[in-house]
Amino acid sequence: MNNFIQTYHEKASRTYLFVTGLRLWLYARASQHPAFYRNGNFNEMVLCLQRNLNLDTGPLHAIDEKFGSYSPSSHLMDDLYANKIGFIIALNFPQLTLKEKEALDDDRKAWAYARLGDMFTERSDQLGSL
């Protein structure tokens, strides 16, 4: 067990960004990718995929139902954890409690960090698999 703890600390020290400037850099990098705007871009993709089901564009075909049932975001979180991005974000931007969020007041950067941390709460109990 001691070897596991040592390995965990070594891996965590490589992915936790102790310097505030690097944490800001990580936030900027992560927030520029469409995967983090899933409610907007993925919604647009779903609307496009379901266009023929929702609008009268002619007779429906079996392929229209296949496109309409496809969800582009269904495995996004699993994929982000599989390639360790989810763990890195969860380690550097932890989930805050409601009281901690209320204490942020009008600090926009702190709220942005908190929002990014909220995206990766599903598997934060599995940080040991870094």
Foldseek 3Di string as FASTA:
>chain_A
DVVLVVVLVVVLVVLADPDPVVLVVLLVVVVVDCLLVCVPPQVVQLCVLQVVVVDPPDDDDPVSVVSNVDRPCPCVLVVCVVVPVLLSLCSHQPADDPVVVVVCPPPPVNVSSNSSNVVRPPVNVVSSVD
